[in-house]
């Protein structure tokens, strides 16, 4: 199921910030999509220019910048996609917003709520578009789920059950506190955002327990979010083993299931038990992450919003990101995970 992009008057020129694996998949997703419209990948910058040059060669990108600062100053870039490690999100987003560029930043938007609020304030002050790259929100399966819920097919939604487990605890980006390591911030955000996507209000109560590695980084957690009307979400996050990564949404009239991988599924089980499929387009390059050609949908949303002079997406608004950050902060507090950024203040 392909979603065409409305044509924009001028090409929207993307600058890719870092040559990370997710950046490779993001560019592959856009360049492989048959209906991307006037969207172009115009430049790449990385801390290692050799890697940036190789990245540009792989993807046919015309501009390789010597530094992030040079890209931010360039007139060849309209919007920055930030795919760097978690602790760099805040400073890089500030750099590009201060230089007049729109920003799509990988999740988590920042290391904590204080940084996220500071970033949102700056984007609003500069009148620039800013969005956290929670690509799930733009999945055709998620949109279909929301339509069914809004149509009353599930009745009153009472319970959300989500599992996300993949054996990634030994990877530096997950295991090392200095790199912003955290199973919660790496994969747990997908489970939390789904609960918020369904219930659309701040939880009344948050309860979390889990396990930390020797460096004080969370590897396993179970999170209970309680909402008004005796509604509840139970989220199991595990970076040590693979789980059946689906999501069950229960209402008074039945159940709907986002099939594995729930964070960007190609199959949805409706209330009547029938499968609905949402095939993805084929990638031109090998991908690093499952179903990540679906990253194109968030890029299309960014293009649509910028074309319409919106500063945020209604499907992934600033307030939604701030709510996610608040929940993540509280879960980390209960688990006993603290980052250096938590003890700093931000403008």
Protein backbone atom coordinates (compact mmCIF):
# COMPACT_ATOMS: atom_id res chain seq x y z
CA UNK A 1 0.00 0.00 0.00
CA UNK A 2 1.76 3.14 -1.24
CA UNK A 3 0.84 6.66 -0.12
CA UNK A 4 1.60 9.22 -2.86
CA UNK A 5 3.21 12.51 -1.94
CA UNK A 6 1.57 15.70 -3.08
CA UNK A 7 3.87 17.67 -5.39
CA UNK A 8 5.66 20.60 -3.84
CA UNK A 9 6.69 23.71 -5.73
CA UNK A 10 10.41 23.30 -5.09
CA UNK A 11 12.46 20.22 -4.27
CA UNK A 12 12.77 19.53 -0.56
CA UNK A 13 16.48 18.97 -0.06
CA UNK A 14 17.50 16.62 2.74
CA UNK A 15 20.80 16.72 4.56
CA UNK A 16 21.72 13.45 6.27
CA UNK A 17 23.42 13.94 9.63
CA UNK A 18 25.69 10.95 10.33
CA UNK A 19 26.42 7.88 8.23
CA UNK A 20 24.84 5.52 10.76
CA UNK A 21 22.99 2.33 9.86
CA UNK A 22 19.62 3.98 10.38
CA UNK A 23 20.68 6.83 8.07
CA UNK A 24 21.51 4.26 5.38
CA UNK A 25 18.05 2.74 5.71
CA UNK A 26 16.36 6.15 5.72
CA UNK A 27 18.02 7.18 2.47
CA UNK A 28 17.43 3.77 0.91
CA UNK A 29 13.75 3.98 1.85
CA UNK A 30 13.35 7.36 0.14
CA UNK A 31 15.43 6.62 -2.95
CA UNK A 32 13.66 3.28 -3.51
CA UNK A 33 10.15 4.70 -3.24
CA UNK A 34 8.36 5.09 -6.59
CA UNK A 35 6.23 8.12 -5.63
CA UNK A 36 8.52 10.30 -3.53
CA UNK A 37 7.77 13.45 -5.52
CA UNK A 38 10.19 16.38 -5.44
CA UNK A 39 12.19 15.10 -2.50
CA UNK A 40 15.96 14.76 -2.91
CA UNK A 41 18.87 13.66 -0.74
CA UNK A 42 21.19 16.60 -1.27
CA UNK A 43 24.00 16.12 1.24
CA UNK A 44 25.70 14.00 3.87
CA UNK A 45 27.94 14.88 6.81
CA UNK A 46 29.57 12.61 9.38
CA UNK A 47 32.26 12.95 12.03
CA UNK A 48 34.41 10.71 9.82
CA UNK A 49 34.52 12.28 6.35
CA UNK A 50 35.72 9.02 4.79
CA UNK A 51 32.53 7.32 5.94
CA UNK A 52 30.49 10.24 4.63
CA UNK A 53 32.20 9.96 1.24
CA UNK A 54 31.52 6.23 1.07
CA UNK A 55 27.90 6.85 2.10
CA UNK A 56 27.52 9.46 -0.66
CA UNK A 57 28.96 7.04 -3.23
CA UNK A 58 26.55 4.29 -2.17
CA UNK A 59 23.51 6.52 -2.40
CA UNK A 60 24.47 8.92 -5.19
CA UNK A 61 24.47 11.99 -2.94
CA UNK A 62 25.99 15.08 -4.62
CA UNK A 63 27.35 16.97 -1.58
CA UNK A 64 29.74 15.68 1.09
CA UNK A 65 30.34 18.24 3.81
CA UNK A 66 33.49 18.55 5.88
CA UNK A 67 31.53 18.93 9.10
CA UNK A 68 28.04 19.18 10.55
CA UNK A 69 28.64 22.91 10.94
CA UNK A 70 29.36 23.28 7.21
CA UNK A 71 26.17 21.43 6.34
CA UNK A 72 24.14 23.57 8.73
CA UNK A 73 25.42 26.74 7.05
CA UNK A 74 24.86 25.45 3.51
CA UNK A 75 22.21 26.85 1.20
CA UNK A 76 21.95 23.40 -0.42
CA UNK A 77 19.96 21.92 2.49
CA UNK A 78 16.39 22.59 3.64
CA UNK A 79 15.82 19.89 6.27
CA UNK A 80 18.18 17.77 8.37
CA UNK A 81 17.65 14.13 9.23
CA UNK A 82 19.56 13.39 12.44
CA UNK A 83 20.49 9.72 12.78
CA UNK A 84 23.34 10.08 15.27
CA UNK A 85 23.74 8.50 18.70
CA UNK A 86 21.25 9.55 21.38
CA UNK A 87 23.46 12.01 23.33
CA UNK A 88 24.16 13.99 20.14
CA UNK A 89 20.51 14.57 19.21
CA UNK A 90 20.04 17.71 21.27
CA UNK A 91 23.21 19.52 20.26
CA UNK A 92 22.86 18.65 16.57
CA UNK A 93 19.19 19.63 16.44
CA UNK A 94 20.11 22.96 18.07
CA UNK A 95 22.84 23.47 15.47
CA UNK A 96 20.52 22.98 12.51
CA UNK A 97 17.58 24.89 13.95
CA UNK A 98 19.87 27.81 14.78
CA UNK A 99 21.00 27.71 11.13
CA UNK A 100 17.44 27.94 9.83
CA UNK A 101 16.96 24.28 8.89
CA UNK A 102 13.93 22.11 9.60
CA UNK A 103 14.71 18.97 11.61
CA UNK A 104 13.60 15.35 11.70
CA UNK A 105 15.44 13.75 14.62
CA UNK A 106 15.62 10.05 15.38
CA UNK A 107 13.99 8.79 18.54
CA UNK A 108 14.43 9.45 21.35
CA UNK A 109 14.16 13.13 20.48
CA UNK A 110 16.47 13.92 23.39
CA UNK A 111 17.96 12.27 26.45
CA UNK A 112 15.27 13.63 28.76
CA UNK A 113 12.24 15.89 29.06
CA UNK A 114 14.27 19.02 29.87
CA UNK A 115 16.24 18.76 26.63
CA UNK A 116 13.11 17.96 24.63
CA UNK A 117 11.24 21.00 25.98
CA UNK A 118 14.24 23.22 25.23
CA UNK A 119 14.36 21.92 21.65
CA UNK A 120 10.64 22.41 21.09
CA UNK A 121 10.89 25.97 22.44
CA UNK A 122 13.68 26.78 20.00
CA UNK A 123 11.87 25.30 17.00
CA UNK A 124 8.76 27.31 17.80
CA UNK A 125 10.80 30.47 18.30
CA UNK A 126 12.56 29.96 14.96
CA UNK A 127 9.26 28.98 13.27
CA UNK A 128 10.85 25.81 11.91
CA UNK A 129 9.47 22.31 11.59
CA UNK A 130 10.63 19.78 14.18
CA UNK A 131 9.57 16.16 14.57
CA UNK A 132 10.76 13.11 16.48
CA UNK A 133 11.19 10.25 14.00
CA UNK A 134 8.65 7.83 15.46
CA UNK A 135 8.06 6.19 12.09
CA UNK A 136 5.43 3.81 13.51
CA UNK A 137 2.91 6.66 13.55
CA UNK A 138 2.97 6.80 9.75
CA UNK A 139 2.64 3.07 9.12
CA UNK A 140 -0.41 2.24 6.95
CA UNK A 141 -1.24 -0.50 9.48
CA UNK A 142 -1.29 2.02 12.35
CA UNK A 143 -3.50 4.36 10.35
CA UNK A 144 -5.88 1.45 9.62
CA UNK A 145 -5.90 0.52 13.33
CA UNK A 146 -6.79 4.06 14.33
CA UNK A 147 -9.63 4.18 11.79
CA UNK A 148 -11.10 0.97 13.19
CA UNK A 149 -10.86 2.27 16.77
CA UNK A 150 -12.43 5.61 15.81
CA UNK A 151 -15.24 3.76 14.01
CA UNK A 152 -16.05 1.92 17.24
CA UNK A 153 -15.16 -1.54 15.92
CA UNK A 154 -13.36 -2.40 19.18
CA UNK A 155 -15.96 -0.80 21.39
CA UNK A 156 -14.30 0.81 24.43
CA UNK A 157 -10.58 0.10 24.29
CA UNK A 158 -9.49 -1.16 27.71
CA UNK A 159 -6.14 -2.89 27.45
CA UNK A 160 -2.95 -2.79 25.38
CA UNK A 161 -0.37 -5.58 25.60
CA UNK A 162 2.99 -5.09 23.86
CA UNK A 163 6.17 -7.17 23.74
CA UNK A 164 9.42 -5.97 22.21
CA UNK A 165 12.45 -8.18 22.67
CA UNK A 166 15.55 -8.41 20.48
CA UNK A 167 19.04 -9.62 21.56
CA UNK A 168 20.92 -6.32 21.25
CA UNK A 169 22.20 -5.87 24.82
CA UNK A 170 25.82 -6.35 23.71
CA UNK A 171 25.73 -3.50 21.20
CA UNK A 172 27.53 -0.36 22.30
CA UNK A 173 24.64 1.97 21.51
CA UNK A 174 22.47 -0.05 23.91
CA UNK A 175 24.94 -1.12 26.59
CA UNK A 176 27.13 1.95 27.21
CA UNK A 177 25.78 4.82 29.27
CA UNK A 178 28.22 7.25 27.65
CA UNK A 179 26.55 6.55 24.29
CA UNK A 180 23.05 6.99 25.68
CA UNK A 181 22.61 3.26 26.00
CA UNK A 182 19.21 2.05 27.18
CA UNK A 183 16.83 -0.65 25.99
CA UNK A 184 14.03 1.74 26.97
CA UNK A 185 15.30 4.52 24.71
CA UNK A 186 16.30 2.15 21.91
CA UNK A 187 13.24 -0.11 21.59
CA UNK A 188 11.01 0.66 24.56
CA UNK A 189 9.94 3.97 23.07
CA UNK A 190 8.03 2.02 20.41
CA UNK A 191 5.94 0.25 23.01
CA UNK A 192 5.25 3.43 24.96
CA UNK A 193 4.28 5.39 21.87
CA UNK A 194 1.79 2.69 20.87
CA UNK A 195 0.03 2.91 24.23
CA UNK A 196 -0.11 6.69 23.80
CA UNK A 197 -1.29 6.32 20.20
CA UNK A 198 -4.24 4.23 21.40
CA UNK A 199 -5.22 6.02 24.63
CA UNK A 200 -4.27 9.61 23.65
CA UNK A 201 -3.88 10.94 27.20
CA UNK A 202 -1.17 11.10 29.82
CA UNK A 203 -1.12 8.04 32.09
CA UNK A 204 -2.38 8.56 35.63
CA UNK A 205 0.17 6.15 37.07
CA UNK A 206 3.43 4.63 35.85
CA UNK A 207 4.95 1.51 37.41
CA UNK A 208 8.21 -0.02 36.19
CA UNK A 209 10.63 -2.75 37.21
CA UNK A 210 13.58 -4.24 35.39
CA UNK A 211 17.22 -5.26 35.23
CA UNK A 212 20.36 -3.19 34.64
CA UNK A 213 23.75 -4.18 33.28
CA UNK A 214 26.99 -3.61 35.19
CA UNK A 215 27.21 -0.09 33.82
CA UNK A 216 23.81 0.90 35.18
CA UNK A 217 22.02 0.68 31.83
CA UNK A 218 18.59 -0.95 31.57
CA UNK A 219 18.38 -4.18 29.57
CA UNK A 220 14.98 -5.52 30.63
CA UNK A 221 11.86 -3.75 31.87
CA UNK A 222 8.17 -4.24 32.41
CA UNK A 223 6.11 -1.06 32.37
CA UNK A 224 2.48 -0.64 33.45
CA UNK A 225 0.70 2.52 32.33
CA UNK A 226 -2.68 3.22 33.94
CA UNK A 227 -5.22 5.58 32.40
CA UNK A 228 -8.67 6.95 33.20
CA UNK A 229 -11.61 4.58 32.95
CA UNK A 230 -9.62 1.63 34.38
CA UNK A 231 -7.65 1.34 31.14
CA UNK A 232 -4.17 -0.10 31.17
CA UNK A 233 -1.12 -0.90 29.03
CA UNK A 234 1.47 -3.54 29.93
CA UNK A 235 4.75 -3.27 28.04
CA UNK A 236 7.57 -5.83 28.14
CA UNK A 237 10.95 -4.62 26.89
CA UNK A 238 13.88 -7.01 26.60
CA UNK A 239 17.28 -6.46 24.98
CA UNK A 240 18.61 -9.92 25.94
CA UNK A 241 16.23 -12.30 24.11
CA UNK A 242 13.86 -12.29 21.17
CA UNK A 243 10.17 -12.15 21.99
CA UNK A 244 7.13 -12.48 19.77
CA UNK A 245 7.02 -8.78 19.02
CA UNK A 246 3.35 -8.18 18.45
CA UNK A 247 0.84 -5.84 20.04
CA UNK A 248 -2.67 -6.71 21.16
CA UNK A 249 -5.31 -4.02 21.52
CA UNK A 250 -8.39 -5.20 23.44
CA UNK A 251 -11.77 -3.55 23.60
CA UNK A 252 -15.24 -4.45 24.80
CA UNK A 253 -16.07 -5.73 21.29
CA UNK A 254 -12.94 -7.79 20.63
CA UNK A 255 -9.26 -7.61 19.81
CA UNK A 256 -6.98 -6.26 17.09
CA UNK A 257 -3.36 -7.34 16.61
CA UNK A 258 -0.40 -5.57 15.07
CA UNK A 259 1.66 -8.51 13.91
CA UNK A 260 5.40 -8.92 14.54
CA UNK A 261 7.17 -6.52 14.11
CA UNK A 262 4.49 -4.39 15.74
CA UNK A 263 6.55 -1.20 15.54
CA UNK A 264 6.18 -1.23 11.74
CA UNK A 265 3.98 -4.17 10.78
CA UNK A 266 2.82 -5.29 7.37
CA UNK A 267 -0.11 -7.27 8.81
CA UNK A 268 -3.05 -6.26 10.99
CA UNK A 269 -5.60 -8.70 12.41
CA UNK A 270 -9.00 -7.01 12.53
CA UNK A 271 -11.78 -7.58 15.05
CA UNK A 272 -13.37 -10.16 12.74
CA UNK A 273 -10.12 -12.16 12.70
CA UNK A 274 -9.27 -11.32 9.10
CA UNK A 275 -5.76 -10.33 8.07
CA UNK A 276 -5.19 -7.02 6.35
CA UNK A 277 -1.82 -6.69 4.61
CA UNK A 278 0.24 -3.59 3.89
CA UNK A 279 3.18 -4.58 1.67
CA UNK A 280 6.24 -2.35 1.54
CA UNK A 281 8.15 -1.33 -1.57
CA UNK A 282 11.38 -3.17 -2.38
CA UNK A 283 14.66 -1.55 -1.29
CA UNK A 284 17.44 -0.84 -3.81
CA UNK A 285 20.11 -1.49 -1.17
CA UNK A 286 20.40 -4.05 1.61
CA UNK A 287 18.72 -2.83 4.80
CA UNK A 288 20.03 -2.94 8.37
CA UNK A 289 16.66 -3.04 10.14
CA UNK A 290 13.44 -4.95 9.54
CA UNK A 291 10.82 -3.32 7.31
CA UNK A 292 12.74 -0.05 7.27
CA UNK A 293 11.69 0.89 3.75
CA UNK A 294 8.69 2.10 5.78
CA UNK A 295 10.86 5.01 6.94
CA UNK A 296 9.78 6.77 3.75
CA UNK A 297 6.34 7.48 5.23
CA UNK A 298 7.71 9.78 7.91
CA UNK A 299 9.79 11.57 5.27
CA UNK A 300 6.65 12.10 3.19
CA UNK A 301 4.89 13.51 6.23
CA UNK A 302 7.74 15.96 6.85
CA UNK A 303 7.53 17.11 3.22
CA UNK A 304 3.76 17.53 3.46
CA UNK A 305 3.97 19.55 6.66
CA UNK A 306 6.72 21.84 5.39
CA UNK A 307 4.78 22.41 2.16
CA UNK A 308 1.76 23.43 4.23
CA UNK A 309 3.85 25.66 6.56
CA UNK A 310 3.18 23.47 9.60
CA UNK A 311 5.68 23.56 12.44
CA UNK A 312 4.72 20.10 13.68
CA UNK A 313 2.93 16.99 12.48
CA UNK A 314 -0.53 16.27 13.89
CA UNK A 315 0.39 12.56 13.91
CA UNK A 316 3.60 13.13 15.88
CA UNK A 317 3.26 16.50 17.53
CA UNK A 318 5.62 18.32 19.87
CA UNK A 319 3.31 17.53 22.79
CA UNK A 320 3.38 13.83 21.93
CA UNK A 321 7.17 13.87 22.07
CA UNK A 322 7.15 15.74 25.37
CA UNK A 323 4.73 13.19 26.84
CA UNK A 324 6.97 10.32 25.69
CA UNK A 325 9.97 12.05 27.28
CA UNK A 326 8.11 12.46 30.58
CA UNK A 327 7.16 8.80 30.66
CA UNK A 328 10.69 7.71 29.76
CA UNK A 329 12.12 9.91 32.51
CA UNK A 330 9.80 8.39 35.11
CA UNK A 331 10.52 4.83 33.98
CA UNK A 332 14.27 5.47 34.14
CA UNK A 333 13.87 6.98 37.60
CA UNK A 334 12.08 3.88 38.86
CA UNK A 335 14.66 1.58 37.23
CA UNK A 336 17.56 3.59 38.64
CA UNK A 337 19.02 4.76 35.31
CA UNK A 338 20.53 8.24 35.34
CA UNK A 339 22.40 10.13 32.62
CA UNK A 340 24.73 13.10 33.02
CA UNK A 341 22.21 15.15 31.06
CA UNK A 342 19.66 14.70 33.84
CA UNK A 343 21.70 16.92 36.16
CA UNK A 344 21.95 19.86 33.75
CA UNK A 345 19.61 22.72 32.95
CA UNK A 346 18.70 23.85 29.46
CA UNK A 347 17.39 27.16 28.06
